[in-house]
Amino acid sequence: MSCYLVHRQEYRERVAELSEELRIPLLVEAPDYTYGQNGEPRYYNAVFLFRPQVGEVQNYYKIQLVPFSERIPFDERLPIPKRINLGEADFSPGRRLTLFDSGKGHFAALICFEAIFPNLVRAFVNRG
């Protein structure tokens, strides 16, 4: 069962403890949220990197969302589709090209079908 991992202390601590116990980094997918300037929540499809003895958890928010599954196209411009509940997650797209630090090098964690977009992949490669 999925949860807002980094906002649920007991689960965040369990994953961090497992990373410590196994002495390996753990890359975990989970939804996340932040609050915008207007106070409304923004939801993301995310991955988190837990590293033993580091403490800080890195994150990446999926940039290229799946239309009609993770986001309704043009819903910010056309109010009508937003009123129809199609069961989509209505995630916000991420904006940051996160390179995770594994301790032995850097890597990107493209989520799902993001890997088929050459411009996005190239942007990560160009960052290192």
Protein backbone atom coordinates (compact mmCIF):
# COMPACT_ATOMS: atom_id res chain seq x y z
CA MET A 1 0.00 0.00 0.00
CA SER A 2 1.36 3.37 -0.99
CA CYS A 3 1.55 6.29 1.41
CA TYR A 4 3.08 9.74 1.67
CA LEU A 5 6.31 8.17 2.87
CA VAL A 6 8.35 11.23 3.84
CA HIS A 7 5.38 12.75 5.67
CA ARG A 8 4.77 9.62 7.74
CA GLN A 9 7.57 9.53 10.29
CA GLU A 10 7.18 5.86 11.25
CA TYR A 11 7.46 4.69 7.62
CA ARG A 12 10.26 7.10 6.74
CA GLU A 13 12.21 5.85 9.76
CA ARG A 14 11.61 2.19 8.81
CA VAL A 15 13.02 2.72 5.32
CA ALA A 16 15.99 4.67 6.70
CA GLU A 17 16.65 1.91 9.27
CA LEU A 18 16.48 -0.75 6.56
CA SER A 19 19.01 1.19 4.48
CA GLU A 20 21.27 1.37 7.54
CA GLU A 21 20.81 -2.31 8.39
CA LEU A 22 21.54 -3.49 4.83
CA ARG A 23 24.27 -0.84 4.41
CA ILE A 24 23.00 0.02 0.93
CA PRO A 25 21.13 2.95 -0.61
CA LEU A 26 17.42 2.35 -1.21
CA LEU A 27 15.49 4.03 -4.03
CA VAL A 28 11.79 4.06 -3.16
CA GLU A 29 8.77 5.26 -5.15
CA ALA A 30 5.93 6.97 -3.27
CA PRO A 31 3.56 9.87 -3.81
CA ASP A 32 4.46 13.20 -2.24
CA TYR A 33 2.94 16.63 -1.76
CA THR A 34 3.97 20.20 -1.13
CA TYR A 35 1.95 23.36 -0.62
CA GLY A 36 1.91 26.10 -3.27
CA GLN A 37 2.12 29.83 -2.62
CA ASN A 38 -1.67 29.98 -2.39
CA GLY A 39 -1.69 27.22 0.25
CA GLU A 40 -3.21 24.57 -2.02
CA PRO A 41 -1.56 21.15 -2.02
CA ARG A 42 0.38 19.96 -5.06
CA TYR A 43 0.72 16.21 -5.48
CA TYR A 44 3.64 14.44 -7.17
CA ASN A 45 4.66 11.01 -8.38
CA ALA A 46 8.06 10.78 -6.71
CA VAL A 47 11.10 8.69 -5.91
CA PHE A 48 13.27 9.04 -2.81
CA LEU A 49 16.84 7.96 -2.18
CA PHE A 50 17.72 6.80 1.34
CA ARG A 51 21.45 6.37 1.98
CA PRO A 52 22.98 4.79 5.07
CA GLN A 53 24.70 7.25 7.42
CA VAL A 54 23.63 10.27 5.35
CA GLY A 55 20.33 11.25 6.96
CA GLU A 56 19.15 13.56 4.16
CA VAL A 57 16.66 11.98 1.77
CA GLN A 58 16.92 13.13 -1.85
CA ASN A 59 13.80 13.27 -4.02
CA TYR A 60 12.74 13.54 -7.66
CA TYR A 61 9.28 14.51 -8.87
CA LYS A 62 8.22 12.97 -12.17
CA ILE A 63 8.32 15.60 -14.92
CA GLN A 64 6.62 13.86 -17.86
CA LEU A 65 3.24 12.69 -16.56
CA VAL A 66 1.03 10.09 -18.28
CA PRO A 67 -1.95 11.86 -19.91
CA PHE A 68 -5.39 10.90 -18.52
CA SER A 69 -3.80 8.69 -15.88
CA GLU A 70 -1.58 10.98 -13.86
CA ARG A 71 -2.86 14.29 -15.23
CA ILE A 72 -5.67 15.60 -17.41
CA PRO A 73 -4.13 17.55 -20.33
CA PHE A 74 -4.84 21.29 -20.38
CA ASP A 75 -6.83 21.15 -17.13
CA GLU A 76 -5.20 24.41 -16.03
CA ARG A 77 -6.61 26.15 -19.15
CA LEU A 78 -9.92 24.32 -19.62
CA PRO A 79 -12.02 24.08 -16.44
CA ILE A 80 -14.51 21.54 -17.83
CA PRO A 81 -12.26 18.41 -17.76
CA LYS A 82 -11.33 19.16 -14.14
CA ARG A 83 -14.99 18.79 -13.12
CA ILE A 84 -15.21 15.27 -14.57
CA ASN A 85 -13.77 12.59 -12.29
CA LEU A 86 -12.02 10.06 -14.52
CA GLY A 87 -10.13 8.50 -11.63
CA GLU A 88 -6.84 10.13 -12.55
CA ALA A 89 -4.30 11.00 -9.90
CA ASP A 90 -4.05 14.68 -10.95
CA PHE A 91 -0.35 14.97 -10.15
CA SER A 92 1.63 18.14 -10.76
CA PRO A 93 4.69 17.82 -12.98
CA GLY A 94 8.07 18.14 -11.34
CA ARG A 95 10.38 20.93 -12.46
CA ARG A 96 13.82 19.86 -11.23
CA LEU A 97 16.26 17.52 -12.98
CA THR A 98 17.44 15.66 -9.88
CA LEU A 99 20.68 13.71 -10.02
CA PHE A 100 20.89 11.34 -7.09
CA ASP A 101 24.19 10.83 -5.29
CA SER A 102 24.73 7.14 -4.57
CA GLY A 103 28.01 7.74 -2.78
CA LYS A 104 29.82 6.12 -5.72
CA GLY A 105 28.43 8.33 -8.48
CA HIS A 106 25.41 10.20 -9.72
CA PHE A 107 22.35 8.86 -11.51
CA ALA A 108 18.90 9.90 -12.71
CA ALA A 109 15.77 7.95 -11.81
CA LEU A 110 13.34 8.35 -14.68
CA ILE A 111 9.87 7.13 -13.70
CA CYS A 112 7.82 4.90 -15.98
CA PHE A 113 7.50 6.14 -19.54
CA GLU A 114 9.72 9.21 -19.02
CA ALA A 115 12.58 7.18 -20.50
CA ILE A 116 11.01 7.37 -24.00
CA PHE A 117 11.41 11.16 -24.19
CA PRO A 118 14.86 11.81 -25.69
CA ASN A 119 14.90 15.51 -24.75
CA LEU A 120 14.29 14.68 -21.10
CA VAL A 121 16.89 11.90 -21.07
CA ARG A 122 19.39 14.19 -22.81
CA ALA A 123 18.76 16.93 -20.24
CA PHE A 124 19.67 14.52 -17.42
CA VAL A 125 22.78 13.31 -19.28
CA ASN A 126 23.90 16.90 -19.87
CA ARG A 127 23.59 17.56 -16.12
CA GLY A 128 26.02 14.76 -15.40
